[in-house]
Amino acid sequence: MKYFARFLHVLSPVLPAEEFVHRTVVISQAYGTLRYAIHLITSLAGRLRCTHISVQNQNRRRSP
């Protein structure tokens, strides 16, 4: 980890290496959380859509 921090410090001379690593970790965790939230929302939307379609199909069967 120390060598990785030094490598990142060479790439980013503005920030201290530890701060750059910390920000990178925080950003990657936030990205993972965002992807998980999007996955949950899309799966929920898919379930709601399937439920809506099945309700529509039931209503079609009932109507003369």
PDB file of N, CA and C in Angstrom:
ATOM      1  N   MET A   1       0.833  -1.194   0.000  1.00  0.00           N
ATOM      2  CA  MET A   1       0.000   0.000   0.000  1.00  0.00           C
ATOM      3  C   MET A   1       0.872   1.250   0.000  1.00  0.00           C
ATOM      4  N   LYS A   2       2.012   1.182   0.671  1.00  0.00           N
ATOM      5  CA  LYS A   2       2.905   2.339   0.739  1.00  0.00           C
ATOM      6  C   LYS A   2       3.430   2.694  -0.659  1.00  0.00           C
ATOM      7  N   TYR A   3       3.808   1.652  -1.436  1.00  0.00           N
ATOM      8  CA  TYR A   3       4.318   1.904  -2.786  1.00  0.00           C
ATOM      9  C   TYR A   3       3.213   2.444  -3.693  1.00  0.00           C
ATOM     10  N   PHE A   4       2.003   1.912  -3.518  1.00  0.00           N
ATOM     11  CA  PHE A   4       0.868   2.392  -4.290  1.00  0.00           C
ATOM     12  C   PHE A   4       0.587   3.859  -3.984  1.00  0.00           C
ATOM     13  N   ALA A   5       0.694   4.224  -2.704  1.00  0.00           N
ATOM     14  CA  ALA A   5       0.489   5.616  -2.314  1.00  0.00           C
ATOM     15  C   ALA A   5       1.555   6.511  -2.930  1.00  0.00           C
ATOM     16  N   ARG A   6       2.796   6.045  -2.955  1.00  0.00           N
ATOM     17  CA  ARG A   6       3.868   6.838  -3.579  1.00  0.00           C
ATOM     18  C   ARG A   6       3.621   7.004  -5.073  1.00  0.00           C
ATOM     19  N   PHE A   7       3.150   5.931  -5.720  1.00  0.00           N
ATOM     20  CA  PHE A   7       2.860   5.991  -7.146  1.00  0.00           C
ATOM     21  C   PHE A   7       1.751   7.007  -7.424  1.00  0.00           C
ATOM     22  N   LEU A   8       0.716   6.984  -6.589  1.00  0.00           N
ATOM     23  CA  LEU A   8      -0.370   7.940  -6.771  1.00  0.00           C
ATOM     24  C   LEU A   8       0.095   9.362  -6.473  1.00  0.00           C
ATOM     25  N   HIS A   9       1.035   9.486  -5.539  1.00  0.00           N
ATOM     26  CA  HIS A   9       1.547  10.810  -5.222  1.00  0.00           C
ATOM     27  C   HIS A   9       2.308  11.387  -6.414  1.00  0.00           C
ATOM     28  N   VAL A  10       2.980  10.528  -7.154  1.00  0.00           N
ATOM     29  CA  VAL A  10       3.673  10.987  -8.365  1.00  0.00           C
ATOM     30  C   VAL A  10       2.651  11.460  -9.397  1.00  0.00           C
ATOM     31  N   LEU A  11       1.531  10.721  -9.479  1.00  0.00           N
ATOM     32  CA  LEU A  11       0.502  11.105 -10.442  1.00  0.00           C
ATOM     33  C   LEU A  11      -0.223  12.385 -10.027  1.00  0.00           C
ATOM     34  N   SER A  12      -0.373  12.572  -8.739  1.00  0.00           N
ATOM     35  CA  SER A  12      -1.111  13.728  -8.246  1.00  0.00           C
ATOM     36  C   SER A  12      -0.260  14.510  -7.250  1.00  0.00           C
ATOM     37  N   PRO A  13       0.576  15.417  -7.710  1.00  0.00           N
ATOM     38  CA  PRO A  13       1.450  16.154  -6.793  1.00  0.00           C
ATOM     39  C   PRO A  13       0.707  17.201  -5.967  1.00  0.00           C
ATOM     40  N   VAL A  14      -0.558  17.487  -6.314  1.00  0.00           N
ATOM     41  CA  VAL A  14      -1.306  18.514  -5.591  1.00  0.00           C
ATOM     42  C   VAL A  14      -1.702  18.024  -4.202  1.00  0.00           C
ATOM     43  N   LEU A  15      -2.193  16.792  -4.129  1.00  0.00           N
ATOM     44  CA  LEU A  15      -2.650  16.230  -2.862  1.00  0.00           C
ATOM     45  C   LEU A  15      -1.558  15.375  -2.230  1.00  0.00           C
ATOM     46  N   PRO A  16      -1.533  15.310  -0.902  1.00  0.00           N
ATOM     47  CA  PRO A  16      -0.677  14.313  -0.254  1.00  0.00           C
ATOM     48  C   PRO A  16      -1.138  12.899  -0.622  1.00  0.00           C
ATOM     49  N   ALA A  17      -0.211  11.967  -0.632  1.00  0.00           N
ATOM     50  CA  ALA A  17      -0.523  10.618  -1.110  1.00  0.00           C
ATOM     51  C   ALA A  17      -1.631   9.962  -0.284  1.00  0.00           C
ATOM     52  N   GLU A  18      -1.558  10.097   1.043  1.00  0.00           N
ATOM     53  CA  GLU A  18      -2.567   9.444   1.885  1.00  0.00           C
ATOM     54  C   GLU A  18      -3.956  10.024   1.622  1.00  0.00           C
ATOM     55  N   GLU A  19      -4.007  11.337   1.446  1.00  0.00           N
ATOM     56  CA  GLU A  19      -5.290  11.981   1.163  1.00  0.00           C
ATOM     57  C   GLU A  19      -5.839  11.530  -0.191  1.00  0.00           C
ATOM     58  N   PHE A  20      -4.964  11.383  -1.167  1.00  0.00           N
ATOM     59  CA  PHE A  20      -5.398  10.937  -2.494  1.00  0.00           C
ATOM     60  C   PHE A  20      -5.940   9.516  -2.433  1.00  0.00           C
ATOM     61  N   VAL A  21      -5.244   8.637  -1.701  1.00  0.00           N
ATOM     62  CA  VAL A  21      -5.714   7.258  -1.549  1.00  0.00           C
ATOM     63  C   VAL A  21      -7.049   7.239  -0.829  1.00  0.00           C
ATOM     64  N   HIS A  22      -7.160   8.055   0.221  1.00  0.00           N
ATOM     65  CA  HIS A  22      -8.413   8.107   0.979  1.00  0.00           C
ATOM     66  C   HIS A  22      -9.563   8.555   0.079  1.00  0.00           C
ATOM     67  N   ARG A  23      -9.335   9.584  -0.714  1.00  0.00           N
ATOM     68  CA  ARG A  23     -10.396  10.066  -1.610  1.00  0.00           C
ATOM     69  C   ARG A  23     -10.738   9.029  -2.664  1.00  0.00           C
ATOM     70  N   THR A  24      -9.740   8.328  -3.161  1.00  0.00           N
ATOM     71  CA  THR A  24      -9.993   7.291  -4.154  1.00  0.00           C
ATOM     72  C   THR A  24     -10.864   6.183  -3.571  1.00  0.00           C
ATOM     73  N   VAL A  25     -10.556   5.777  -2.337  1.00  0.00           N
ATOM     74  CA  VAL A  25     -11.341   4.730  -1.679  1.00  0.00           C
ATOM     75  C   VAL A  25     -12.769   5.207  -1.444  1.00  0.00           C
ATOM     76  N   VAL A  26     -12.921   6.442  -0.979  1.00  0.00           N
ATOM     77  CA  VAL A  26     -14.264   6.975  -0.718  1.00  0.00           C
ATOM     78  C   VAL A  26     -15.071   7.049  -2.005  1.00  0.00           C
ATOM     79  N   ILE A  27     -14.437   7.497  -3.082  1.00  0.00           N
ATOM     80  CA  ILE A  27     -15.141   7.597  -4.366  1.00  0.00           C
ATOM     81  C   ILE A  27     -15.541   6.216  -4.872  1.00  0.00           C
ATOM     82  N   SER A  28     -14.643   5.234  -4.722  1.00  0.00           N
ATOM     83  CA  SER A  28     -14.983   3.888  -5.205  1.00  0.00           C
ATOM     84  C   SER A  28     -16.109   3.278  -4.372  1.00  0.00           C
ATOM     85  N   GLN A  29     -16.111   3.543  -3.048  1.00  0.00           N
ATOM     86  CA  GLN A  29     -17.202   3.043  -2.216  1.00  0.00           C
ATOM     87  C   GLN A  29     -18.522   3.709  -2.580  1.00  0.00           C
ATOM     88  N   ALA A  30     -18.478   5.007  -2.834  1.00  0.00           N
ATOM     89  CA  ALA A  30     -19.702   5.719  -3.223  1.00  0.00           C
ATOM     90  C   ALA A  30     -20.216   5.202  -4.564  1.00  0.00           C
ATOM     91  N   TYR A  31     -19.293   4.929  -5.490  1.00  0.00           N
ATOM     92  CA  TYR A  31     -19.687   4.398  -6.796  1.00  0.00           C
ATOM     93  C   TYR A  31     -20.346   3.025  -6.637  1.00  0.00           C
ATOM     94  N   GLY A  32     -19.770   2.177  -5.775  1.00  0.00           N
ATOM     95  CA  GLY A  32     -20.358   0.862  -5.530  1.00  0.00           C
ATOM     96  C   GLY A  32     -21.745   0.965  -4.915  1.00  0.00           C
ATOM     97  N   THR A  33     -21.905   1.895  -3.975  1.00  0.00           N
ATOM     98  CA  THR A  33     -23.204   2.098  -3.347  1.00  0.00           C
ATOM     99  C   THR A  33     -24.222   2.606  -4.353  1.00  0.00           C
ATOM    100  N   LEU A  34     -23.790   3.521  -5.214  1.00  0.00           N
ATOM    101  CA  LEU A  34     -24.686   4.057  -6.243  1.00  0.00           C
ATOM    102  C   LEU A  34     -25.124   2.962  -7.210  1.00  0.00           C
ATOM    103  N   ARG A  35     -24.180   2.113  -7.619  1.00  0.00           N
ATOM    104  CA  ARG A  35     -24.531   1.012  -8.527  1.00  0.00           C
ATOM    105  C   ARG A  35     -25.523   0.064  -7.866  1.00  0.00           C
ATOM    106  N   TYR A  36     -25.332  -0.214  -6.567  1.00  0.00           N
ATOM    107  CA  TYR A  36     -26.240  -1.097  -5.843  1.00  0.00           C
ATOM    108  C   TYR A  36     -27.631  -0.473  -5.750  1.00  0.00           C
ATOM    109  N   ALA A  37     -27.686   0.837  -5.494  1.00  0.00           N
ATOM    110  CA  ALA A  37     -28.979   1.522  -5.408  1.00  0.00           C
ATOM    111  C   ALA A  37     -29.701   1.487  -6.753  1.00  0.00           C
ATOM    112  N   ILE A  38     -28.967   1.714  -7.826  1.00  0.00           N
ATOM    113  CA  ILE A  38     -29.576   1.660  -9.161  1.00  0.00           C
ATOM    114  C   ILE A  38     -30.094   0.254  -9.453  1.00  0.00           C
ATOM    115  N   HIS A  39     -29.322  -0.757  -9.034  1.00  0.00           N
ATOM    116  CA  HIS A  39     -29.758  -2.138  -9.224  1.00  0.00           C
ATOM    117  C   HIS A  39     -31.060  -2.413  -8.473  1.00  0.00           C
ATOM    118  N   LEU A  40     -31.141  -1.946  -7.227  1.00  0.00           N
ATOM    119  CA  LEU A  40     -32.363  -2.160  -6.451  1.00  0.00           C
ATOM    120  C   LEU A  40     -33.552  -1.445  -7.082  1.00  0.00           C
ATOM    121  N   ILE A  41     -33.334  -0.209  -7.532  1.00  0.00           N
ATOM    122  CA  ILE A  41     -34.431   0.560  -8.126  1.00  0.00           C
ATOM    123  C   ILE A  41     -34.925  -0.098  -9.411  1.00  0.00           C
ATOM    124  N   THR A  42     -33.990  -0.549 -10.246  1.00  0.00           N
ATOM    125  CA  THR A  42     -34.411  -1.163 -11.510  1.00  0.00           C
ATOM    126  C   THR A  42     -35.108  -2.500 -11.275  1.00  0.00           C
ATOM    127  N   SER A  43     -34.635  -3.268 -10.285  1.00  0.00           N
ATOM    128  CA  SER A  43     -35.307  -4.542 -10.018  1.00  0.00           C
ATOM    129  C   SER A  43     -36.699  -4.307  -9.449  1.00  0.00           C
ATOM    130  N   LEU A  44     -36.830  -3.298  -8.596  1.00  0.00           N
ATOM    131  CA  LEU A  44     -38.146  -2.971  -8.051  1.00  0.00           C
ATOM    132  C   LEU A  44     -39.075  -2.479  -9.152  1.00  0.00           C
ATOM    133  N   ALA A  45     -38.550  -1.642 -10.036  1.00  0.00           N
ATOM    134  CA  ALA A  45     -39.361  -1.146 -11.153  1.00  0.00           C
ATOM    135  C   ALA A  45     -39.788  -2.299 -12.060  1.00  0.00           C
ATOM    136  N   GLY A  46     -38.897  -3.252 -12.277  1.00  0.00           N
ATOM    137  CA  GLY A  46     -39.249  -4.414 -13.081  1.00  0.00           C
ATOM    138  C   GLY A  46     -40.348  -5.235 -12.450  1.00  0.00           C
ATOM    139  N   ARG A  47     -40.286  -5.409 -11.131  1.00  0.00           N
ATOM    140  CA  ARG A  47     -41.334  -6.155 -10.439  1.00  0.00           C
ATOM    141  C   ARG A  47     -42.665  -5.418 -10.502  1.00  0.00           C
ATOM    142  N   LEU A  48     -42.606  -4.094 -10.307  1.00  0.00           N
ATOM    143  CA  LEU A  48     -43.852  -3.319 -10.375  1.00  0.00           C
ATOM    144  C   LEU A  48     -44.450  -3.387 -11.772  1.00  0.00           C
ATOM    145  N   ARG A  49     -43.602  -3.351 -12.792  1.00  0.00           N
ATOM    146  CA  ARG A  49     -44.075  -3.413 -14.170  1.00  0.00           C
ATOM    147  C   ARG A  49     -44.729  -4.767 -14.445  1.00  0.00           C
ATOM    148  N   CYS A  50     -44.097  -5.848 -13.962  1.00  0.00           N
ATOM    149  CA  CYS A  50     -44.681  -7.182 -14.154  1.00  0.00           C
ATOM    150  C   CYS A  50     -46.024  -7.289 -13.436  1.00  0.00           C
ATOM    151  N   THR A  51     -46.096  -6.736 -12.232  1.00  0.00           N
ATOM    152  CA  THR A  51     -47.355  -6.761 -11.489  1.00  0.00           C
ATOM    153  C   THR A  51     -48.418  -5.969 -12.227  1.00  0.00           C
ATOM    154  N   HIS A  52     -48.040  -4.809 -12.753  1.00  0.00           N
ATOM    155  CA  HIS A  52     -48.981  -3.959 -13.495  1.00  0.00           C
ATOM    156  C   HIS A  52     -49.496  -4.683 -14.738  1.00  0.00           C
ATOM    157  N   ILE A  53     -48.608  -5.360 -15.443  1.00  0.00           N
ATOM    158  CA  ILE A  53     -49.010  -6.083 -16.650  1.00  0.00           C
ATOM    159  C   ILE A  53     -49.951  -7.235 -16.291  1.00  0.00           C
ATOM    160  N   SER A  54     -49.665  -7.948 -15.195  1.00  0.00           N
ATOM    161  CA  SER A  54     -50.548  -9.068 -14.820  1.00  0.00           C
ATOM    162  C   SER A  54     -51.915  -8.550 -14.392  1.00  0.00           C
ATOM    163  N   VAL A  55     -51.959  -7.387 -13.729  1.00  0.00           N
ATOM    164  CA  VAL A  55     -53.250  -6.800 -13.360  1.00  0.00           C
ATOM    165  C   VAL A  55     -54.018  -6.393 -14.611  1.00  0.00           C
ATOM    166  N   GLN A  56     -53.313  -5.815 -15.596  1.00  0.00           N
ATOM    167  CA  GLN A  56     -53.974  -5.454 -16.860  1.00  0.00           C
ATOM    168  C   GLN A  56     -54.537  -6.695 -17.546  1.00  0.00           C
ATOM    169  N   ASN A  57     -53.787  -7.784 -17.544  1.00  0.00           N
ATOM    170  CA  ASN A  57     -54.252  -9.019 -18.179  1.00  0.00           C
ATOM    171  C   ASN A  57     -55.481  -9.566 -17.470  1.00  0.00           C
ATOM    172  N   GLN A  58     -55.493  -9.483 -16.141  1.00  0.00           N
ATOM    173  CA  GLN A  58     -56.669  -9.950 -15.398  1.00  0.00           C
ATOM    174  C   GLN A  58     -57.883  -9.092 -15.715  1.00  0.00           C
ATOM    175  N   ASN A  59     -57.677  -7.799 -15.848  1.00  0.00           N
ATOM    176  CA  ASN A  59     -58.797  -6.905 -16.169  1.00  0.00           C
ATOM    177  C   ASN A  59     -59.332  -7.184 -17.570  1.00  0.00           C
ATOM    178  N   ARG A  60     -58.474  -7.541 -18.501  1.00  0.00           N
ATOM    179  CA  ARG A  60     -58.930  -7.866 -19.854  1.00  0.00           C
ATOM    180  C   ARG A  60     -59.783  -9.129 -19.855  1.00  0.00           C
ATOM    181  N   ARG A  61     -59.401 -10.088 -19.035  1.00  0.00           N
ATOM    182  CA  ARG A  61     -60.174 -11.334 -18.981  1.00  0.00           C
ATOM    183  C   ARG A  61     -61.564 -11.093 -18.402  1.00  0.00           C
ATOM    184  N   ARG A  62     -61.662 -10.179 -17.442  1.00  0.00           N
ATOM    185  CA  ARG A  62     -62.952  -9.920 -16.787  1.00  0.00           C
ATOM    186  C   ARG A  62     -63.893  -9.125 -17.677  1.00  0.00           C
ATOM    187  N   SER A  63     -63.344  -8.237 -18.503  1.00  0.00           N
ATOM    188  CA  SER A  63     -64.225  -7.377 -19.312  1.00  0.00           C
ATOM    189  C   SER A  63     -64.842  -8.188 -20.449  1.00  0.00           C
ATOM    190  N   PRO A  64     -66.098  -7.915 -20.770  1.00  0.00           N
ATOM    191  CA  PRO A  64     -66.789  -8.689 -21.830  1.00  0.00           C
ATOM    192  C   PRO A  64     -66.310  -8.330 -23.224  1.00  0.00           C
TER     193      PRO A  64
END
